[in-house]
């Protein structure tokens, strides 16, 4: 009694098609598909940006800790 059967789904689908028409439903499905594709494209762009930003910088410090300590002792 609490489960939805195949006939209930078919009746709901027929009512929706009658109310909105086939053209509006296909336009809506096209918009949903565009949204999903845009979302996937955005995720892929974020992944590529994160891969680019994870590069390391190899740079030597101009002063070492011991140099700083020596300066503070001599002052």
PDB file of N, CA and C in Angstrom:
ATOM      1  N   UNK A   1       0.821  -1.188   0.000  1.00  0.00           N
ATOM      2  CA  UNK A   1       0.000   0.000   0.000  1.00  0.00           C
ATOM      3  C   UNK A   1       0.868   1.256   0.000  1.00  0.00           C
ATOM      4  N   UNK A   2       2.000   1.250   0.673  1.00  0.00           N
ATOM      5  CA  UNK A   2       2.850   2.415   0.788  1.00  0.00           C
ATOM      6  C   UNK A   2       3.848   2.543  -0.345  1.00  0.00           C
ATOM      7  N   UNK A   3       3.918   1.577  -1.243  1.00  0.00           N
ATOM      8  CA  UNK A   3       4.889   1.619  -2.321  1.00  0.00           C
ATOM      9  C   UNK A   3       4.258   2.174  -3.591  1.00  0.00           C
ATOM     10  N   UNK A   4       5.084   2.861  -4.381  1.00  0.00           N
ATOM     11  CA  UNK A   4       4.608   3.406  -5.646  1.00  0.00           C
ATOM     12  C   UNK A   4       4.886   2.366  -6.723  1.00  0.00           C
ATOM     13  N   UNK A   5       3.856   2.003  -7.458  1.00  0.00           N
ATOM     14  CA  UNK A   5       3.994   1.010  -8.515  1.00  0.00           C
ATOM     15  C   UNK A   5       4.266   1.661  -9.856  1.00  0.00           C
ATOM     16  N   UNK A   6       4.484   0.824 -10.857  1.00  0.00           N
ATOM     17  CA  UNK A   6       4.802   1.302 -12.200  1.00  0.00           C
ATOM     18  C   UNK A   6       3.619   2.062 -12.794  1.00  0.00           C
ATOM     19  N   UNK A   7       2.383   1.625 -12.493  1.00  0.00           N
ATOM     20  CA  UNK A   7       1.212   2.294 -13.054  1.00  0.00           C
ATOM     21  C   UNK A   7       1.046   3.693 -12.482  1.00  0.00           C
ATOM     22  N   UNK A   8       1.361   3.898 -11.228  1.00  0.00           N
ATOM     23  CA  UNK A   8       1.272   5.235 -10.653  1.00  0.00           C
ATOM     24  C   UNK A   8       2.283   6.170 -11.309  1.00  0.00           C
ATOM     25  N   UNK A   9       3.472   5.657 -11.585  1.00  0.00           N
ATOM     26  CA  UNK A   9       4.506   6.460 -12.238  1.00  0.00           C
ATOM     27  C   UNK A   9       4.076   6.824 -13.656  1.00  0.00           C
ATOM     28  N   UNK A  10       3.480   5.872 -14.368  1.00  0.00           N
ATOM     29  CA  UNK A  10       3.014   6.130 -15.732  1.00  0.00           C
ATOM     30  C   UNK A  10       1.917   7.189 -15.727  1.00  0.00           C
ATOM     31  N   UNK A  11       0.978   7.093 -14.803  1.00  0.00           N
ATOM     32  CA  UNK A  11      -0.110   8.071 -14.720  1.00  0.00           C
ATOM     33  C   UNK A  11       0.429   9.459 -14.405  1.00  0.00           C
ATOM     34  N   UNK A  12       1.380   9.547 -13.491  1.00  0.00           N
ATOM     35  CA  UNK A  12       1.991  10.843 -13.155  1.00  0.00           C
ATOM     36  C   UNK A  12       2.714  11.415 -14.368  1.00  0.00           C
ATOM     37  N   UNK A  13       3.439  10.579 -15.113  1.00  0.00           N
ATOM     38  CA  UNK A  13       4.156  11.042 -16.302  1.00  0.00           C
ATOM     39  C   UNK A  13       3.187  11.565 -17.350  1.00  0.00           C
ATOM     40  N   UNK A  14       2.073  10.871 -17.566  1.00  0.00           N
ATOM     41  CA  UNK A  14       1.084  11.307 -18.548  1.00  0.00           C
ATOM     42  C   UNK A  14       0.476  12.649 -18.131  1.00  0.00           C
ATOM     43  N   UNK A  15       0.162  12.803 -16.862  1.00  0.00           N
ATOM     44  CA  UNK A  15      -0.415  14.058 -16.383  1.00  0.00           C
ATOM     45  C   UNK A  15       0.570  15.211 -16.558  1.00  0.00           C
ATOM     46  N   UNK A  16       1.842  14.980 -16.259  1.00  0.00           N
ATOM     47  CA  UNK A  16       2.864  16.020 -16.408  1.00  0.00           C
ATOM     48  C   UNK A  16       3.001  16.422 -17.869  1.00  0.00           C
ATOM     49  N   UNK A  17       2.998  15.445 -18.781  1.00  0.00           N
ATOM     50  CA  UNK A  17       3.097  15.757 -20.214  1.00  0.00           C
ATOM     51  C   UNK A  17       1.874  16.538 -20.677  1.00  0.00           C
ATOM     52  N   UNK A  18       0.706  16.168 -20.195  1.00  0.00           N
ATOM     53  CA  UNK A  18      -0.514  16.884 -20.583  1.00  0.00           C
ATOM     54  C   UNK A  18      -0.510  18.321 -20.054  1.00  0.00           C
ATOM     55  N   UNK A  19      -0.024  18.530 -18.840  1.00  0.00           N
ATOM     56  CA  UNK A  19      -0.020  19.862 -18.248  1.00  0.00           C
ATOM     57  C   UNK A  19       1.005  20.788 -18.898  1.00  0.00           C
ATOM     58  N   UNK A  20       2.206  20.305 -19.066  1.00  0.00           N
ATOM     59  CA  UNK A  20       3.300  21.170 -19.506  1.00  0.00           C
ATOM     60  C   UNK A  20       3.590  21.074 -21.000  1.00  0.00           C
ATOM     61  N   UNK A  21       3.212  20.010 -21.624  1.00  0.00           N
ATOM     62  CA  UNK A  21       3.504  19.840 -23.045  1.00  0.00           C
ATOM     63  C   UNK A  21       4.889  19.272 -23.262  1.00  0.00           C
ATOM     64  N   UNK A  22       5.030  18.606 -24.396  1.00  0.00           N
ATOM     65  CA  UNK A  22       6.292  17.934 -24.691  1.00  0.00           C
ATOM     66  C   UNK A  22       7.429  18.930 -24.913  1.00  0.00           C
ATOM     67  N   UNK A  23       7.143  20.075 -25.505  1.00  0.00           N
ATOM     68  CA  UNK A  23       8.177  21.069 -25.812  1.00  0.00           C
ATOM     69  C   UNK A  23       8.799  21.669 -24.571  1.00  0.00           C
ATOM     70  N   UNK A  24       7.968  22.017 -23.583  1.00  0.00           N
ATOM     71  CA  UNK A  24       8.501  22.610 -22.355  1.00  0.00           C
ATOM     72  C   UNK A  24       9.326  21.603 -21.568  1.00  0.00           C
ATOM     73  N   UNK A  25       8.894  20.358 -21.574  1.00  0.00           N
ATOM     74  CA  UNK A  25       9.632  19.325 -20.835  1.00  0.00           C
ATOM     75  C   UNK A  25      10.990  19.082 -21.491  1.00  0.00           C
ATOM     76  N   UNK A  26      11.034  19.042 -22.830  1.00  0.00           N
ATOM     77  CA  UNK A  26      12.321  18.834 -23.502  1.00  0.00           C
ATOM     78  C   UNK A  26      13.244  20.029 -23.293  1.00  0.00           C
ATOM     79  N   UNK A  27      12.688  21.240 -23.274  1.00  0.00           N
ATOM     80  CA  UNK A  27      13.505  22.425 -22.976  1.00  0.00           C
ATOM     81  C   UNK A  27      14.069  22.359 -21.562  1.00  0.00           C
ATOM     82  N   UNK A  28      13.243  21.919 -20.630  1.00  0.00           N
ATOM     83  CA  UNK A  28      13.677  21.801 -19.242  1.00  0.00           C
ATOM     84  C   UNK A  28      14.792  20.762 -19.110  1.00  0.00           C
ATOM     85  N   UNK A  29      14.637  19.633 -19.784  1.00  0.00           N
ATOM     86  CA  UNK A  29      15.672  18.595 -19.725  1.00  0.00           C
ATOM     87  C   UNK A  29      16.969  19.087 -20.369  1.00  0.00           C
ATOM     88  N   UNK A  30      16.855  19.879 -21.440  1.00  0.00           N
ATOM     89  CA  UNK A  30      18.049  20.454 -22.067  1.00  0.00           C
ATOM     90  C   UNK A  30      18.760  21.410 -21.124  1.00  0.00           C
ATOM     91  N   UNK A  31      17.995  22.206 -20.389  1.00  0.00           N
ATOM     92  CA  UNK A  31      18.590  23.128 -19.424  1.00  0.00           C
ATOM     93  C   UNK A  31      19.269  22.373 -18.282  1.00  0.00           C
ATOM     94  N   UNK A  32      18.644  21.290 -17.850  1.00  0.00           N
ATOM     95  CA  UNK A  32      19.245  20.475 -16.787  1.00  0.00           C
ATOM     96  C   UNK A  32      20.562  19.869 -17.279  1.00  0.00           C
ATOM     97  N   UNK A  33      20.583  19.384 -18.516  1.00  0.00           N
ATOM     98  CA  UNK A  33      21.809  18.802 -19.075  1.00  0.00           C
ATOM     99  C   UNK A  33      22.915  19.857 -19.184  1.00  0.00           C
ATOM    100  N   UNK A  34      22.555  21.077 -19.603  1.00  0.00           N
ATOM    101  CA  UNK A  34      23.551  22.153 -19.686  1.00  0.00           C
ATOM    102  C   UNK A  34      24.108  22.482 -18.306  1.00  0.00           C
ATOM    103  N   UNK A  35      23.235  22.482 -17.305  1.00  0.00           N
ATOM    104  CA  UNK A  35      23.688  22.754 -15.941  1.00  0.00           C
ATOM    105  C   UNK A  35      24.645  21.698 -15.433  1.00  0.00           C
ATOM    106  N   UNK A  36      24.344  20.445 -15.720  1.00  0.00           N
ATOM    107  CA  UNK A  36      25.225  19.351 -15.282  1.00  0.00           C
ATOM    108  C   UNK A  36      26.575  19.457 -15.978  1.00  0.00           C
ATOM    109  N   UNK A  37      26.570  19.726 -17.286  1.00  0.00           N
ATOM    110  CA  UNK A  37      27.834  19.868 -18.022  1.00  0.00           C
ATOM    111  C   UNK A  37      28.645  21.045 -17.500  1.00  0.00           C
ATOM    112  N   UNK A  38      27.985  22.146 -17.196  1.00  0.00           N
ATOM    113  CA  UNK A  38      28.679  23.313 -16.651  1.00  0.00           C
ATOM    114  C   UNK A  38      29.288  22.999 -15.290  1.00  0.00           C
ATOM    115  N   UNK A  39      28.560  22.263 -14.472  1.00  0.00           N
ATOM    116  CA  UNK A  39      29.060  21.881 -13.151  1.00  0.00           C
ATOM    117  C   UNK A  39      30.293  20.991 -13.274  1.00  0.00           C
ATOM    118  N   UNK A  40      30.245  20.010 -14.175  1.00  0.00           N
ATOM    119  CA  UNK A  40      31.394  19.117 -14.383  1.00  0.00           C
ATOM    120  C   UNK A  40      32.595  19.903 -14.901  1.00  0.00           C
ATOM    121  N   UNK A  41      32.344  20.853 -15.822  1.00  0.00           N
ATOM    122  CA  UNK A  41      33.435  21.668 -16.357  1.00  0.00           C
ATOM    123  C   UNK A  41      34.077  22.499 -15.251  1.00  0.00           C
ATOM    124  N   UNK A  42      33.255  23.051 -14.365  1.00  0.00           N
ATOM    125  CA  UNK A  42      33.775  23.827 -13.240  1.00  0.00           C
ATOM    126  C   UNK A  42      34.614  22.986 -12.302  1.00  0.00           C
ATOM    127  N   UNK A  43      34.184  21.747 -12.057  1.00  0.00           N
ATOM    128  CA  UNK A  43      34.972  20.862 -11.202  1.00  0.00           C
ATOM    129  C   UNK A  43      36.317  20.549 -11.834  1.00  0.00           C
ATOM    130  N   UNK A  44      36.340  20.297 -13.141  1.00  0.00           N
ATOM    131  CA  UNK A  44      37.595  19.998 -13.827  1.00  0.00           C
ATOM    132  C   UNK A  44      38.527  21.201 -13.815  1.00  0.00           C
ATOM    133  N   UNK A  45      37.979  22.417 -13.961  1.00  0.00           N
ATOM    134  CA  UNK A  45      38.815  23.621 -13.910  1.00  0.00           C
ATOM    135  C   UNK A  45      39.416  23.810 -12.524  1.00  0.00           C
ATOM    136  N   UNK A  46      38.642  23.541 -11.485  1.00  0.00           N
ATOM    137  CA  UNK A  46      39.160  23.665 -10.121  1.00  0.00           C
ATOM    138  C   UNK A  46      40.276  22.665  -9.873  1.00  0.00           C
ATOM    139  N   UNK A  47      40.136  21.451 -10.389  1.00  0.00           N
ATOM    140  CA  UNK A  47      41.175  20.437 -10.221  1.00  0.00           C
ATOM    141  C   UNK A  47      42.460  20.855 -10.920  1.00  0.00           C
ATOM    142  N   UNK A  48      42.338  21.426 -12.118  1.00  0.00           N
ATOM    143  CA  UNK A  48      43.541  21.848 -12.839  1.00  0.00           C
ATOM    144  C   UNK A  48      44.196  23.044 -12.160  1.00  0.00           C
ATOM    145  N   UNK A  49      43.403  23.955 -11.581  1.00  0.00           N
ATOM    146  CA  UNK A  49      43.974  25.092 -10.855  1.00  0.00           C
ATOM    147  C   UNK A  49      44.707  24.627  -9.613  1.00  0.00           C
ATOM    148  N   UNK A  50      44.151  23.644  -8.918  1.00  0.00           N
ATOM    149  CA  UNK A  50      44.793  23.149  -7.713  1.00  0.00           C
ATOM    150  C   UNK A  50      46.090  22.426  -8.057  1.00  0.00           C
ATOM    151  N   UNK A  51      46.134  21.732  -9.181  1.00  0.00           N
ATOM    152  CA  UNK A  51      47.359  21.051  -9.588  1.00  0.00           C
ATOM    153  C   UNK A  51      48.447  22.068  -9.918  1.00  0.00           C
ATOM    154  N   UNK A  52      48.071  23.181 -10.534  1.00  0.00           N
ATOM    155  CA  UNK A  52      49.043  24.223 -10.868  1.00  0.00           C
ATOM    156  C   UNK A  52      49.546  24.944  -9.619  1.00  0.00           C
ATOM    157  N   UNK A  53      48.681  25.152  -8.641  1.00  0.00           N
ATOM    158  CA  UNK A  53      49.062  25.917  -7.460  1.00  0.00           C
ATOM    159  C   UNK A  53      49.840  25.080  -6.449  1.00  0.00           C
ATOM    160  N   UNK A  54      49.943  23.781  -6.667  1.00  0.00           N
ATOM    161  CA  UNK A  54      50.645  22.945  -5.704  1.00  0.00           C
ATOM    162  C   UNK A  54      52.128  22.817  -6.023  1.00  0.00           C
ATOM    163  N   UNK A  55      52.649  23.658  -6.892  1.00  0.00           N
ATOM    164  CA  UNK A  55      54.070  23.631  -7.225  1.00  0.00           C
ATOM    165  C   UNK A  55      54.880  24.175  -6.054  1.00  0.00           C
ATOM    166  N   UNK A  56      56.064  23.648  -5.877  1.00  0.00           N
ATOM    167  CA  UNK A  56      56.926  24.108  -4.788  1.00  0.00           C
ATOM    168  C   UNK A  56      57.897  25.153  -5.311  1.00  0.00           C
ATOM    169  N   UNK A  57      58.358  25.997  -4.410  1.00  0.00           N
ATOM    170  CA  UNK A  57      59.327  27.025  -4.750  1.00  0.00           C
ATOM    171  C   UNK A  57      60.648  26.659  -4.095  1.00  0.00           C
ATOM    172  N   UNK A  58      61.649  26.476  -4.932  1.00  0.00           N
ATOM    173  CA  UNK A  58      62.977  26.164  -4.426  1.00  0.00           C
ATOM    174  C   UNK A  58      63.775  27.461  -4.361  1.00  0.00           C
ATOM    175  N   UNK A  59      63.959  27.947  -3.146  1.00  0.00           N
ATOM    176  CA  UNK A  59      64.658  29.208  -2.972  1.00  0.00           C
ATOM    177  C   UNK A  59      65.429  29.126  -1.659  1.00  0.00           C
ATOM    178  N   UNK A  60      66.664  29.618  -1.672  1.00  0.00           N
ATOM    179  CA  UNK A  60      67.475  29.612  -0.463  1.00  0.00           C
ATOM    180  C   UNK A  60      67.256  30.908   0.294  1.00  0.00           C
ATOM    181  N   UNK A  61      67.309  30.816   1.600  1.00  0.00           N
ATOM    182  CA  UNK A  61      67.132  32.002   2.440  1.00  0.00           C
ATOM    183  C   UNK A  61      68.365  32.883   2.338  1.00  0.00           C
ATOM    184  N   UNK A  62      68.140  34.184   2.390  1.00  0.00           N
ATOM    185  CA  UNK A  62      69.265  35.107   2.285  1.00  0.00           C
ATOM    186  C   UNK A  62      70.066  35.139   3.585  1.00  0.00           C
ATOM    187  N   UNK A  63      69.411  34.918   4.712  1.00  0.00           N
ATOM    188  CA  UNK A  63      70.103  34.874   5.998  1.00  0.00           C
ATOM    189  C   UNK A  63      69.734  33.578   6.709  1.00  0.00           C
ATOM    190  N   UNK A  64      70.674  33.042   7.438  1.00  0.00           N
ATOM    191  CA  UNK A  64      70.400  31.843   8.219  1.00  0.00           C
ATOM    192  C   UNK A  64      70.136  32.246   9.662  1.00  0.00           C
ATOM    193  N   UNK A  65      69.664  31.314  10.439  1.00  0.00           N
ATOM    194  CA  UNK A  65      69.371  31.586  11.847  1.00  0.00           C
ATOM    195  C   UNK A  65      70.642  31.941  12.604  1.00  0.00           C
ATOM    196  N   UNK A  66      71.722  31.264  12.281  1.00  0.00           N
ATOM    197  CA  UNK A  66      72.977  31.553  12.978  1.00  0.00           C
ATOM    198  C   UNK A  66      73.478  32.965  12.663  1.00  0.00           C
ATOM    199  N   UNK A  67      73.267  33.454  11.433  1.00  0.00           N
ATOM    200  CA  UNK A  67      73.646  34.819  11.089  1.00  0.00           C
ATOM    201  C   UNK A  67      72.853  35.825  11.917  1.00  0.00           C
ATOM    202  N   UNK A  68      71.578  35.569  12.091  1.00  0.00           N
ATOM    203  CA  UNK A  68      70.732  36.471  12.866  1.00  0.00           C
ATOM    204  C   UNK A  68      71.149  36.469  14.332  1.00  0.00           C
ATOM    205  N   UNK A  69      71.482  35.296  14.878  1.00  0.00           N
ATOM    206  CA  UNK A  69      71.917  35.198  16.267  1.00  0.00           C
ATOM    207  C   UNK A  69      73.237  35.951  16.467  1.00  0.00           C
ATOM    208  N   UNK A  70      74.161  35.806  15.504  1.00  0.00           N
ATOM    209  CA  UNK A  70      75.448  36.507  15.606  1.00  0.00           C
ATOM    210  C   UNK A  70      75.254  38.026  15.586  1.00  0.00           C
ATOM    211  N   UNK A  71      74.339  38.513  14.773  1.00  0.00           N
ATOM    212  CA  UNK A  71      74.063  39.936  14.725  1.00  0.00           C
ATOM    213  C   UNK A  71      73.493  40.441  16.027  1.00  0.00           C
ATOM    214  N   UNK A  72      72.592  39.644  16.631  1.00  0.00           N
ATOM    215  CA  UNK A  72      71.974  40.086  17.886  1.00  0.00           C
ATOM    216  C   UNK A  72      72.992  40.058  19.023  1.00  0.00           C
ATOM    217  N   UNK A  73      73.952  39.157  19.025  1.00  0.00           N
ATOM    218  CA  UNK A  73      74.963  39.104  20.089  1.00  0.00           C
ATOM    219  C   UNK A  73      75.935  40.271  19.954  1.00  0.00           C
ATOM    220  N   UNK A  74      76.287  40.647  18.720  1.00  0.00           N
ATOM    221  CA  UNK A  74      77.257  41.707  18.538  1.00  0.00           C
ATOM    222  C   UNK A  74      76.634  43.089  18.782  1.00  0.00           C
ATOM    223  N   UNK A  75      75.329  43.214  18.769  1.00  0.00           N
ATOM    224  CA  UNK A  75      74.680  44.519  18.968  1.00  0.00           C
ATOM    225  C   UNK A  75      74.624  44.929  20.389  1.00  0.00           C
TER     226      UNK A  75
END
